[in-house]
C-alpha atoms as a PDB file:
ATOM      1  CA  UNK A   1      15.965  -3.344  32.550  1.00  0.00           C
ATOM      2  CA  UNK A   2      14.983  -1.312  29.484  1.00  0.00           C
ATOM      3  CA  UNK A   3      11.549  -2.703  28.065  1.00  0.00           C
ATOM      4  CA  UNK A   4      13.543  -3.019  24.641  1.00  0.00           C
ATOM      5  CA  UNK A   5      15.726  -5.566  26.287  1.00  0.00           C
ATOM      6  CA  UNK A   6      13.187  -7.828  27.664  1.00  0.00           C
ATOM      7  CA  UNK A   7      11.504 -10.903  26.282  1.00  0.00           C
ATOM      8  CA  UNK A   8       8.115 -10.940  25.265  1.00  0.00           C
ATOM      9  CA  UNK A   9       5.035 -12.691  26.653  1.00  0.00           C
ATOM     10  CA  UNK A  10       3.966 -15.147  23.855  1.00  0.00           C
ATOM     11  CA  UNK A  11       0.602 -15.844  25.380  1.00  0.00           C
ATOM     12  CA  UNK A  12      -0.468 -12.235  24.552  1.00  0.00           C
ATOM     13  CA  UNK A  13       0.745 -12.207  21.136  1.00  0.00           C
ATOM     14  CA  UNK A  14      -2.639 -13.202  19.532  1.00  0.00           C
ATOM     15  CA  UNK A  15      -4.405 -10.370  21.349  1.00  0.00           C
ATOM     16  CA  UNK A  16      -1.824  -7.859  20.554  1.00  0.00           C
ATOM     17  CA  UNK A  17      -1.907  -8.933  16.782  1.00  0.00           C
ATOM     18  CA  UNK A  18      -5.644  -8.547  16.797  1.00  0.00           C
ATOM     19  CA  UNK A  19      -5.589  -5.159  18.493  1.00  0.00           C
ATOM     20  CA  UNK A  20      -2.946  -4.082  16.086  1.00  0.00           C
ATOM     21  CA  UNK A  21      -4.518  -5.219  13.059  1.00  0.00           C
ATOM     22  CA  UNK A  22      -7.935  -3.819  14.188  1.00  0.00           C
ATOM     23  CA  UNK A  23      -6.684  -0.458  14.930  1.00  0.00           C
ATOM     24  CA  UNK A  24      -4.696  -0.367  11.770  1.00  0.00           C
ATOM     25  CA  UNK A  25      -7.775  -1.449   9.693  1.00  0.00           C
ATOM     26  CA  UNK A  26      -9.978   1.165  11.174  1.00  0.00           C
ATOM     27  CA  UNK A  27      -7.560   4.074  10.683  1.00  0.00           C
ATOM     28  CA  UNK A  28      -6.796   3.101   7.266  1.00  0.00           C
ATOM     29  CA  UNK A  29     -10.418   2.635   6.288  1.00  0.00           C
ATOM     30  CA  UNK A  30     -10.928   6.140   7.516  1.00  0.00           C
ATOM     31  CA  UNK A  31      -8.107   7.623   5.482  1.00  0.00           C
ATOM     32  CA  UNK A  32      -9.305   5.518   2.456  1.00  0.00           C
ATOM     33  CA  UNK A  33     -12.881   6.542   2.649  1.00  0.00           C
ATOM     34  CA  UNK A  34     -11.966  10.318   3.055  1.00  0.00           C
ATOM     35  CA  UNK A  35      -9.490  10.076   0.014  1.00  0.00           C
ATOM     36  CA  UNK A  36     -12.151   8.564  -2.057  1.00  0.00           C
ATOM     37  CA  UNK A  37     -14.566  11.184  -0.954  1.00  0.00           C
ATOM     38  CA  UNK A  38     -11.970  13.739  -2.039  1.00  0.00           C
ATOM     39  CA  UNK A  39     -11.856  12.485  -5.512  1.00  0.00           C
ATOM     40  CA  UNK A  40      -8.869   9.870  -5.340  1.00  0.00           C
ATOM     41  CA  UNK A  41      -9.626   6.757  -7.303  1.00  0.00           C
ATOM     42  CA  UNK A  42      -6.853   4.464  -6.528  1.00  0.00           C
ATOM     43  CA  UNK A  43      -7.101   2.539  -9.749  1.00  0.00           C
ATOM     44  CA  UNK A  44      -4.807  -0.489 -10.082  1.00  0.00           C
ATOM     45  CA  UNK A  45      -4.122  -2.929 -13.046  1.00  0.00           C
ATOM     46  CA  UNK A  46      -5.862  -6.352 -12.327  1.00  0.00           C
ATOM     47  CA  UNK A  47      -4.788  -9.588 -14.063  1.00  0.00           C
ATOM     48  CA  UNK A  48      -5.318 -11.115 -16.392  1.00  0.00           C
ATOM     49  CA  UNK A  49      -6.379  -8.241 -18.533  1.00  0.00           C
ATOM     50  CA  UNK A  50      -4.437  -5.670 -16.448  1.00  0.00           C
ATOM     51  CA  UNK A  51      -7.543  -3.501 -16.767  1.00  0.00           C
ATOM     52  CA  UNK A  52      -7.208  -0.698 -14.093  1.00  0.00           C
ATOM     53  CA  UNK A  53      -9.891  -1.073 -11.451  1.00  0.00           C
ATOM     54  CA  UNK A  54     -10.645   0.792  -8.350  1.00  0.00           C
ATOM     55  CA  UNK A  55      -8.941  -0.695  -5.235  1.00  0.00           C
ATOM     56  CA  UNK A  56     -11.742  -2.237  -3.180  1.00  0.00           C
ATOM     57  CA  UNK A  57     -12.083  -1.689   0.552  1.00  0.00           C
ATOM     58  CA  UNK A  58     -11.264  -5.364   1.139  1.00  0.00           C
ATOM     59  CA  UNK A  59      -7.781  -4.824  -0.308  1.00  0.00           C
ATOM     60  CA  UNK A  60      -7.282  -2.117   2.407  1.00  0.00           C
ATOM     61  CA  UNK A  61      -8.281  -4.712   5.167  1.00  0.00           C
ATOM     62  CA  UNK A  62      -6.110  -7.556   3.558  1.00  0.00           C
ATOM     63  CA  UNK A  63      -3.055  -5.351   3.210  1.00  0.00           C
ATOM     64  CA  UNK A  64      -3.306  -4.491   6.928  1.00  0.00           C
ATOM     65  CA  UNK A  65      -4.180  -7.873   8.381  1.00  0.00           C
ATOM     66  CA  UNK A  66      -1.700  -9.885   6.608  1.00  0.00           C
ATOM     67  CA  UNK A  67       1.381  -7.896   7.544  1.00  0.00           C
ATOM     68  CA  UNK A  68       0.044  -8.058  11.217  1.00  0.00           C
ATOM     69  CA  UNK A  69       0.059 -11.684  11.227  1.00  0.00           C
ATOM     70  CA  UNK A  70       3.422 -11.755   9.509  1.00  0.00           C
ATOM     71  CA  UNK A  71       4.938  -9.337  12.098  1.00  0.00           C
ATOM     72  CA  UNK A  72       3.547 -11.374  14.924  1.00  0.00           C
ATOM     73  CA  UNK A  73       5.198 -14.521  13.454  1.00  0.00           C
ATOM     74  CA  UNK A  74       8.555 -12.460  13.184  1.00  0.00           C
ATOM     75  CA  UNK A  75       8.299 -11.202  16.750  1.00  0.00           C
ATOM     76  CA  UNK A  76       7.583 -14.933  17.983  1.00  0.00           C
ATOM     77  CA  UNK A  77      10.741 -16.170  16.073  1.00  0.00           C
ATOM     78  CA  UNK A  78      12.792 -13.215  17.364  1.00  0.00           C
ATOM     79  CA  UNK A  79      11.662 -14.035  20.851  1.00  0.00           C
ATOM     80  CA  UNK A  80      12.881 -17.624  20.433  1.00  0.00           C
ATOM     81  CA  UNK A  81      16.157 -17.002  18.932  1.00  0.00           C
ATOM     82  CA  UNK A  82      17.459 -13.466  20.124  1.00  0.00           C
ATOM     83  CA  UNK A  83      18.183 -12.006  23.408  1.00  0.00           C
ATOM     84  CA  UNK A  84      16.502  -8.640  22.711  1.00  0.00           C
ATOM     85  CA  UNK A  85      13.531  -9.524  20.555  1.00  0.00           C
ATOM     86  CA  UNK A  86      11.720  -6.333  20.642  1.00  0.00           C
ATOM     87  CA  UNK A  87      14.711  -4.215  19.812  1.00  0.00           C
ATOM     88  CA  UNK A  88      15.512  -6.407  16.900  1.00  0.00           C
ATOM     89  CA  UNK A  89      11.937  -6.420  15.841  1.00  0.00           C
ATOM     90  CA  UNK A  90      11.855  -2.663  15.695  1.00  0.00           C
ATOM     91  CA  UNK A  91      14.713  -2.289  13.564  1.00  0.00           C
ATOM     92  CA  UNK A  92      13.191  -4.993  11.180  1.00  0.00           C
ATOM     93  CA  UNK A  93       9.798  -3.230  11.191  1.00  0.00           C
ATOM     94  CA  UNK A  94      11.433   0.183  10.299  1.00  0.00           C
ATOM     95  CA  UNK A  95      13.315  -1.457   7.460  1.00  0.00           C
ATOM     96  CA  UNK A  96      10.268  -3.302   6.040  1.00  0.00           C
ATOM     97  CA  UNK A  97       8.285  -0.109   6.248  1.00  0.00           C
ATOM     98  CA  UNK A  98      10.947   1.717   4.334  1.00  0.00           C
ATOM     99  CA  UNK A  99      10.779  -0.817   1.641  1.00  0.00           C
ATOM    100  CA  UNK A 100       7.034  -0.967   1.414  1.00  0.00           C
ATOM    101  CA  UNK A 101       7.192   2.698   0.264  1.00  0.00           C
ATOM    102  CA  UNK A 102       8.280   1.501  -3.130  1.00  0.00           C
ATOM    103  CA  UNK A 103       5.013  -0.433  -3.804  1.00  0.00           C
ATOM    104  CA  UNK A 104       2.721   2.397  -4.475  1.00  0.00           C
ATOM    105  CA  UNK A 105       5.261   4.029  -6.631  1.00  0.00           C
ATOM    106  CA  UNK A 106       5.057   1.054  -9.252  1.00  0.00           C
ATOM    107  CA  UNK A 107       1.181   1.729  -9.565  1.00  0.00           C
ATOM    108  CA  UNK A 108       0.117   3.883 -12.410  1.00  0.00           C
ATOM    109  CA  UNK A 109      -1.789   6.232 -10.162  1.00  0.00           C
ATOM    110  CA  UNK A 110      -1.403  10.014  -9.339  1.00  0.00           C
ATOM    111  CA  UNK A 111       1.536  11.158  -6.935  1.00  0.00           C
ATOM    112  CA  UNK A 112      -1.199  12.082  -4.560  1.00  0.00           C
ATOM    113  CA  UNK A 113      -2.526   8.562  -4.536  1.00  0.00           C
ATOM    114  CA  UNK A 114       0.847   7.118  -4.066  1.00  0.00           C
ATOM    115  CA  UNK A 115       1.418   9.260  -1.136  1.00  0.00           C
ATOM    116  CA  UNK A 116      -1.813   8.448   0.388  1.00  0.00           C
ATOM    117  CA  UNK A 117      -1.047   4.813   0.152  1.00  0.00           C
ATOM    118  CA  UNK A 118       2.278   5.239   1.608  1.00  0.00           C
ATOM    119  CA  UNK A 119       0.615   7.154   4.456  1.00  0.00           C
ATOM    120  CA  UNK A 120      -1.663   4.071   4.860  1.00  0.00           C
ATOM    121  CA  UNK A 121       1.602   2.015   5.159  1.00  0.00           C
ATOM    122  CA  UNK A 122       2.865   4.234   7.920  1.00  0.00           C
ATOM    123  CA  UNK A 123      -0.516   3.960   9.749  1.00  0.00           C
ATOM    124  CA  UNK A 124      -0.584   0.113   9.510  1.00  0.00           C
ATOM    125  CA  UNK A 125       2.983  -0.314  10.546  1.00  0.00           C
ATOM    126  CA  UNK A 126       2.403   2.227  13.421  1.00  0.00           C
ATOM    127  CA  UNK A 127      -0.645   0.340  14.789  1.00  0.00           C
ATOM    128  CA  UNK A 128       0.873  -3.058  14.488  1.00  0.00           C
ATOM    129  CA  UNK A 129       4.209  -2.169  16.054  1.00  0.00           C
ATOM    130  CA  UNK A 130       2.533  -0.325  18.795  1.00  0.00           C
ATOM    131  CA  UNK A 131       0.227  -3.089  19.612  1.00  0.00           C
ATOM    132  CA  UNK A 132       2.736  -5.665  19.446  1.00  0.00           C
ATOM    133  CA  UNK A 133       5.320  -3.709  21.535  1.00  0.00           C
ATOM    134  CA  UNK A 134       2.790  -2.428  24.076  1.00  0.00           C
ATOM    135  CA  UNK A 135       0.735  -5.693  24.757  1.00  0.00           C
ATOM    136  CA  UNK A 136       3.369  -8.390  24.627  1.00  0.00           C
ATOM    137  CA  UNK A 137       5.806  -6.746  27.017  1.00  0.00           C
ATOM    138  CA  UNK A 138       6.735  -9.244  29.656  1.00  0.00           C
ATOM    139  CA  UNK A 139       6.103  -8.292  33.179  1.00  0.00           C
END
């Protein structure tokens, strides 16, 4: 049976989520730090004044960890309600990644910064999907 057609082991889901989130955070912080060292500022409007402020490192962490938790929840639900949870999850993850590309383009930052943020979306998605697929496969 193809791995994509198997159910997942829910007991492994918390560890897989932690691995995906941690690896995504580490990789994204490396990209963020390198980009900041290269002169990119990543300034975004902050309510209530909408004054542009530099994107803090904690925002990178949160923007990677929350999707990892959400992805784990989606995978758990798919495992309960579909015959091929991993296959459906990969399709949903790809669609969500494509939609996430719109976010950086709404920010009043340079095109280069927008592209770096989209690269960080790819890194987070890749790390999360890899860990959830790799470490939750039923045996």
